[in-house]
Each structure stands twice: as C-alpha cells, then as structure tokens.
Amino acid sequence: MTRSLMLISACLLIVLTMAAGAAPAKRADACTWGASSVVVEQVNGQYVESDPNTTGCIP
C-alpha cells in the first residue's frame, strides 16, 4: 500500500511539473517582435524610399 501511494504521488508530481512547464508564458508588456522593411529606388537621380512594410506584431 505504501509503495503504491509513493508511486502515485511520484507520478502526480511528474505530471504537475510537466503541466507547469508546458503552460504558455503570459506577457504583461506589449508585443515587440516583428519585422519591418523598406525599398529604396533611384528615380531621376534621386533616391526614393517606400513606406515601411511591417509583418508580425509591432505595436
């Protein structure tokens, strides 16, 4: 009986540890990842920059 109780306790501890490790992280701050790019072309001898093209989460 004692061995079974110890085995069940150990299994429960392992399952709870894995569940806590797999929980998604909560972020309090705003999203700050993403990518931004611009294109620069030469038009009539002048360099012209396009508007930024953003992807991902940039606040």
PDB file of N, CA and C in Angstrom:
ATOM      1  N   MET A   1       0.827  -1.201   0.000  1.00  0.00           N
ATOM      2  CA  MET A   1       0.000   0.000   0.000  1.00  0.00           C
ATOM      3  C   MET A   1       0.865   1.257   0.000  1.00  0.00           C
ATOM      4  N   THR A   2       1.898   1.254   0.826  1.00  0.00           N
ATOM      5  CA  THR A   2       2.787   2.414   0.906  1.00  0.00           C
ATOM      6  C   THR A   2       3.537   2.609  -0.401  1.00  0.00           C
ATOM      7  N   ARG A   3       3.971   1.525  -1.002  1.00  0.00           N
ATOM      8  CA  ARG A   3       4.689   1.604  -2.270  1.00  0.00           C
ATOM      9  C   ARG A   3       3.780   2.158  -3.369  1.00  0.00           C
ATOM     10  N   SER A   4       2.530   1.744  -3.393  1.00  0.00           N
ATOM     11  CA  SER A   4       1.564   2.239  -4.386  1.00  0.00           C
ATOM     12  C   SER A   4       1.301   3.720  -4.190  1.00  0.00           C
ATOM     13  N   LEU A   5       1.159   4.135  -2.943  1.00  0.00           N
ATOM     14  CA  LEU A   5       0.920   5.546  -2.652  1.00  0.00           C
ATOM     15  C   LEU A   5       2.122   6.393  -3.062  1.00  0.00           C
ATOM     16  N   MET A   6       3.317   5.908  -2.827  1.00  0.00           N
ATOM     17  CA  MET A   6       4.512   6.635  -3.243  1.00  0.00           C
ATOM     18  C   MET A   6       4.615   6.716  -4.757  1.00  0.00           C
ATOM     19  N   LEU A   7       4.260   5.632  -5.451  1.00  0.00           N
ATOM     20  CA  LEU A   7       4.299   5.622  -6.911  1.00  0.00           C
ATOM     21  C   LEU A   7       3.284   6.596  -7.488  1.00  0.00           C
ATOM     22  N   ILE A   8       2.081   6.595  -6.927  1.00  0.00           N
ATOM     23  CA  ILE A   8       1.043   7.521  -7.401  1.00  0.00           C
ATOM     24  C   ILE A   8       1.458   8.963  -7.128  1.00  0.00           C
ATOM     25  N   SER A   9       2.034   9.217  -5.965  1.00  0.00           N
ATOM     26  CA  SER A   9       2.492  10.566  -5.633  1.00  0.00           C
ATOM     27  C   SER A   9       3.596  11.022  -6.588  1.00  0.00           C
ATOM     28  N   ALA A  10       4.524  10.130  -6.889  1.00  0.00           N
ATOM     29  CA  ALA A  10       5.612  10.471  -7.803  1.00  0.00           C
ATOM     30  C   ALA A  10       5.082  10.763  -9.204  1.00  0.00           C
ATOM     31  N   CYS A  11       4.136   9.958  -9.667  1.00  0.00           N
ATOM     32  CA  CYS A  11       3.541  10.184 -10.991  1.00  0.00           C
ATOM     33  C   CYS A  11       2.791  11.508 -11.032  1.00  0.00           C
ATOM     34  N   LEU A  12       2.055  11.807  -9.974  1.00  0.00           N
ATOM     35  CA  LEU A  12       1.320  13.066  -9.906  1.00  0.00           C
ATOM     36  C   LEU A  12       2.278  14.253  -9.915  1.00  0.00           C
ATOM     37  N   LEU A  13       3.364  14.144  -9.183  1.00  0.00           N
ATOM     38  CA  LEU A  13       4.357  15.206  -9.167  1.00  0.00           C
ATOM     39  C   LEU A  13       4.967  15.419 -10.552  1.00  0.00           C
ATOM     40  N   ILE A  14       5.268  14.346 -11.246  1.00  0.00           N
ATOM     41  CA  ILE A  14       5.832  14.455 -12.598  1.00  0.00           C
ATOM     42  C   ILE A  14       4.835  15.098 -13.546  1.00  0.00           C
ATOM     43  N   VAL A  15       3.584  14.677 -13.481  1.00  0.00           N
ATOM     44  CA  VAL A  15       2.558  15.241 -14.369  1.00  0.00           C
ATOM     45  C   VAL A  15       2.363  16.721 -14.082  1.00  0.00           C
ATOM     46  N   LEU A  16       2.305  17.109 -12.824  1.00  0.00           N
ATOM     47  CA  LEU A  16       2.129  18.524 -12.482  1.00  0.00           C
ATOM     48  C   LEU A  16       3.331  19.357 -12.901  1.00  0.00           C
ATOM     49  N   THR A  17       4.524  18.814 -12.764  1.00  0.00           N
ATOM     50  CA  THR A  17       5.728  19.526 -13.193  1.00  0.00           C
ATOM     51  C   THR A  17       5.726  19.733 -14.704  1.00  0.00           C
ATOM     52  N   MET A  18       5.336  18.720 -15.443  1.00  0.00           N
ATOM     53  CA  MET A  18       5.280  18.838 -16.904  1.00  0.00           C
ATOM     54  C   MET A  18       4.192  19.814 -17.320  1.00  0.00           C
ATOM     55  N   ALA A  19       3.057  19.803 -16.646  1.00  0.00           N
ATOM     56  CA  ALA A  19       1.967  20.718 -16.988  1.00  0.00           C
ATOM     57  C   ALA A  19       2.374  22.165 -16.711  1.00  0.00           C
ATOM     58  N   ALA A  20       3.074  22.401 -15.626  1.00  0.00           N
ATOM     59  CA  ALA A  20       3.519  23.754 -15.311  1.00  0.00           C
ATOM     60  C   ALA A  20       4.570  24.229 -16.309  1.00  0.00           C
ATOM     61  N   GLY A  21       5.419  23.333 -16.764  1.00  0.00           N
ATOM     62  CA  GLY A  21       6.443  23.702 -17.740  1.00  0.00           C
ATOM     63  C   GLY A  21       5.878  23.942 -19.120  1.00  0.00           C
ATOM     64  N   ALA A  22       4.755  23.317 -19.432  1.00  0.00           N
ATOM     65  CA  ALA A  22       4.163  23.464 -20.757  1.00  0.00           C
ATOM     66  C   ALA A  22       3.171  24.612 -20.831  1.00  0.00           C
ATOM     67  N   ALA A  23       2.865  25.242 -19.711  1.00  0.00           N
ATOM     68  CA  ALA A  23       1.901  26.347 -19.706  1.00  0.00           C
ATOM     69  C   ALA A  23       2.477  27.519 -20.489  1.00  0.00           C
ATOM     70  N   PRO A  24       1.649  28.168 -21.300  1.00  0.00           N
ATOM     71  CA  PRO A  24       2.153  29.301 -22.072  1.00  0.00           C
ATOM     72  C   PRO A  24       2.517  30.470 -21.156  1.00  0.00           C
ATOM     73  N   ALA A  25       3.572  31.157 -21.520  1.00  0.00           N
ATOM     74  CA  ALA A  25       4.012  32.301 -20.727  1.00  0.00           C
ATOM     75  C   ALA A  25       3.082  33.481 -20.975  1.00  0.00           C
ATOM     76  N   LYS A  26       2.773  34.189 -19.923  1.00  0.00           N
ATOM     77  CA  LYS A  26       1.923  35.377 -20.047  1.00  0.00           C
ATOM     78  C   LYS A  26       2.820  36.599 -20.052  1.00  0.00           C
ATOM     79  N   ARG A  27       2.607  37.462 -21.027  1.00  0.00           N
ATOM     80  CA  ARG A  27       3.414  38.671 -21.138  1.00  0.00           C
ATOM     81  C   ARG A  27       2.597  39.859 -20.684  1.00  0.00           C
ATOM     82  N   ALA A  28       3.165  40.650 -19.816  1.00  0.00           N
ATOM     83  CA  ALA A  28       2.472  41.837 -19.324  1.00  0.00           C
ATOM     84  C   ALA A  28       2.689  43.026 -20.264  1.00  0.00           C
ATOM     85  N   ASP A  29       3.813  43.046 -20.961  1.00  0.00           N
ATOM     86  CA  ASP A  29       4.109  44.178 -21.828  1.00  0.00           C
ATOM     87  C   ASP A  29       3.538  43.966 -23.229  1.00  0.00           C
ATOM     88  N   ALA A  30       3.559  44.994 -24.007  1.00  0.00           N
ATOM     89  CA  ALA A  30       3.054  44.924 -25.379  1.00  0.00           C
ATOM     90  C   ALA A  30       3.996  44.099 -26.243  1.00  0.00           C
ATOM     91  N   CYS A  31       3.471  43.562 -27.293  1.00  0.00           N
ATOM     92  CA  CYS A  31       4.255  42.757 -28.217  1.00  0.00           C
ATOM     93  C   CYS A  31       5.316  43.634 -28.881  1.00  0.00           C
ATOM     94  N   THR A  32       6.555  43.150 -28.943  1.00  0.00           N
ATOM     95  CA  THR A  32       7.632  43.966 -29.507  1.00  0.00           C
ATOM     96  C   THR A  32       8.398  43.258 -30.621  1.00  0.00           C
ATOM     97  N   TRP A  33       7.903  42.097 -31.078  1.00  0.00           N
ATOM     98  CA  TRP A  33       8.637  41.408 -32.131  1.00  0.00           C
ATOM     99  C   TRP A  33       7.998  41.731 -33.478  1.00  0.00           C
ATOM    100  N   GLY A  34       8.704  41.471 -34.535  1.00  0.00           N
ATOM    101  CA  GLY A  34       8.181  41.683 -35.880  1.00  0.00           C
ATOM    102  C   GLY A  34       9.309  42.069 -36.810  1.00  0.00           C
ATOM    103  N   ALA A  35       8.945  42.401 -38.008  1.00  0.00           N
ATOM    104  CA  ALA A  35       9.944  42.786 -38.993  1.00  0.00           C
ATOM    105  C   ALA A  35       9.431  43.978 -39.778  1.00  0.00           C
ATOM    106  N   SER A  36      10.325  44.819 -40.165  1.00  0.00           N
ATOM    107  CA  SER A  36       9.974  45.989 -40.950  1.00  0.00           C
ATOM    108  C   SER A  36      11.000  46.125 -42.068  1.00  0.00           C
ATOM    109  N   SER A  37      10.522  46.455 -43.245  1.00  0.00           N
ATOM    110  CA  SER A  37      11.457  46.633 -44.355  1.00  0.00           C
ATOM    111  C   SER A  37      10.991  47.778 -45.246  1.00  0.00           C
ATOM    112  N   VAL A  38      11.950  48.419 -45.898  1.00  0.00           N
ATOM    113  CA  VAL A  38      11.669  49.482 -46.863  1.00  0.00           C
ATOM    114  C   VAL A  38      12.436  49.174 -48.149  1.00  0.00           C
ATOM    115  N   VAL A  39      11.976  49.769 -49.208  1.00  0.00           N
ATOM    116  CA  VAL A  39      12.641  49.622 -50.507  1.00  0.00           C
ATOM    117  C   VAL A  39      13.099  51.007 -50.943  1.00  0.00           C
ATOM    118  N   VAL A  40      14.343  51.094 -51.391  1.00  0.00           N
ATOM    119  CA  VAL A  40      14.892  52.351 -51.882  1.00  0.00           C
ATOM    120  C   VAL A  40      15.183  52.184 -53.366  1.00  0.00           C
ATOM    121  N   GLU A  41      14.636  53.092 -54.150  1.00  0.00           N
ATOM    122  CA  GLU A  41      14.849  53.068 -55.603  1.00  0.00           C
ATOM    123  C   GLU A  41      15.387  54.420 -56.052  1.00  0.00           C
ATOM    124  N   GLN A  42      16.114  54.378 -57.146  1.00  0.00           N
ATOM    125  CA  GLN A  42      16.617  55.617 -57.702  1.00  0.00           C
ATOM    126  C   GLN A  42      15.693  56.050 -58.829  1.00  0.00           C
ATOM    127  N   VAL A  43      15.103  57.223 -58.662  1.00  0.00           N
ATOM    128  CA  VAL A  43      14.177  57.761 -59.654  1.00  0.00           C
ATOM    129  C   VAL A  43      14.688  59.141 -60.065  1.00  0.00           C
ATOM    130  N   ASN A  44      15.002  59.315 -61.352  1.00  0.00           N
ATOM    131  CA  ASN A  44      15.515  60.581 -61.895  1.00  0.00           C
ATOM    132  C   ASN A  44      16.706  61.099 -61.091  1.00  0.00           C
ATOM    133  N   GLY A  45      17.597  60.208 -60.705  1.00  0.00           N
ATOM    134  CA  GLY A  45      18.798  60.615 -59.991  1.00  0.00           C
ATOM    135  C   GLY A  45      18.593  60.813 -58.498  1.00  0.00           C
ATOM    136  N   GLN A  46      17.374  60.678 -58.008  1.00  0.00           N
ATOM    137  CA  GLN A  46      17.079  60.847 -56.581  1.00  0.00           C
ATOM    138  C   GLN A  46      16.706  59.499 -55.980  1.00  0.00           C
ATOM    139  N   TYR A  47      17.123  59.288 -54.750  1.00  0.00           N
ATOM    140  CA  TYR A  47      16.730  58.060 -54.051  1.00  0.00           C
ATOM    141  C   TYR A  47      15.370  58.274 -53.392  1.00  0.00           C
ATOM    142  N   VAL A  48      14.458  57.341 -53.645  1.00  0.00           N
ATOM    143  CA  VAL A  48      13.106  57.420 -53.103  1.00  0.00           C
ATOM    144  C   VAL A  48      12.880  56.198 -52.221  1.00  0.00           C
ATOM    145  N   GLU A  49      12.464  56.442 -50.995  1.00  0.00           N
ATOM    146  CA  GLU A  49      12.232  55.367 -50.026  1.00  0.00           C
ATOM    147  C   GLU A  49      10.738  55.073 -49.919  1.00  0.00           C
ATOM    148  N   SER A  50      10.390  53.784 -49.939  1.00  0.00           N
ATOM    149  CA  SER A  50       8.985  53.401 -49.818  1.00  0.00           C
ATOM    150  C   SER A  50       8.541  53.467 -48.359  1.00  0.00           C
ATOM    151  N   ASP A  51       7.233  53.363 -48.153  1.00  0.00           N
ATOM    152  CA  ASP A  51       6.709  53.284 -46.787  1.00  0.00           C
ATOM    153  C   ASP A  51       7.136  51.954 -46.177  1.00  0.00           C
ATOM    154  N   PRO A  52       7.298  51.896 -44.853  1.00  0.00           N
ATOM    155  CA  PRO A  52       7.689  50.643 -44.224  1.00  0.00           C
ATOM    156  C   PRO A  52       6.631  49.551 -44.422  1.00  0.00           C
ATOM    157  N   ASN A  53       7.078  48.357 -44.705  1.00  0.00           N
ATOM    158  CA  ASN A  53       6.204  47.205 -44.828  1.00  0.00           C
ATOM    159  C   ASN A  53       6.456  46.359 -43.584  1.00  0.00           C
ATOM    160  N   THR A  54       5.452  46.246 -42.704  1.00  0.00           N
ATOM    161  CA  THR A  54       5.649  45.531 -41.452  1.00  0.00           C
ATOM    162  C   THR A  54       4.909  44.208 -41.454  1.00  0.00           C
ATOM    163  N   THR A  55       5.495  43.227 -40.791  1.00  0.00           N
ATOM    164  CA  THR A  55       4.867  41.930 -40.589  1.00  0.00           C
ATOM    165  C   THR A  55       5.043  41.548 -39.138  1.00  0.00           C
ATOM    166  N   GLY A  56       4.188  40.724 -38.642  1.00  0.00           N
ATOM    167  CA  GLY A  56       4.285  40.300 -37.261  1.00  0.00           C
ATOM    168  C   GLY A  56       3.586  41.274 -36.335  1.00  0.00           C
ATOM    169  N   CYS A  57       3.981  41.285 -35.102  1.00  0.00           N
ATOM    170  CA  CYS A  57       3.336  42.097 -34.077  1.00  0.00           C
ATOM    171  C   CYS A  57       4.255  43.248 -33.693  1.00  0.00           C
ATOM    172  N   ILE A  58       4.036  44.412 -34.251  1.00  0.00           N
ATOM    173  CA  ILE A  58       4.790  45.603 -33.903  1.00  0.00           C
ATOM    174  C   ILE A  58       3.772  46.629 -33.412  1.00  0.00           C
ATOM    175  N   PRO A  59       3.804  46.972 -32.139  1.00  0.00           N
ATOM    176  CA  PRO A  59       2.777  47.905 -31.606  1.00  0.00           C
ATOM    177  C   PRO A  59       2.946  49.298 -32.141  1.00  0.00           C
TER     178      PRO A  59
END
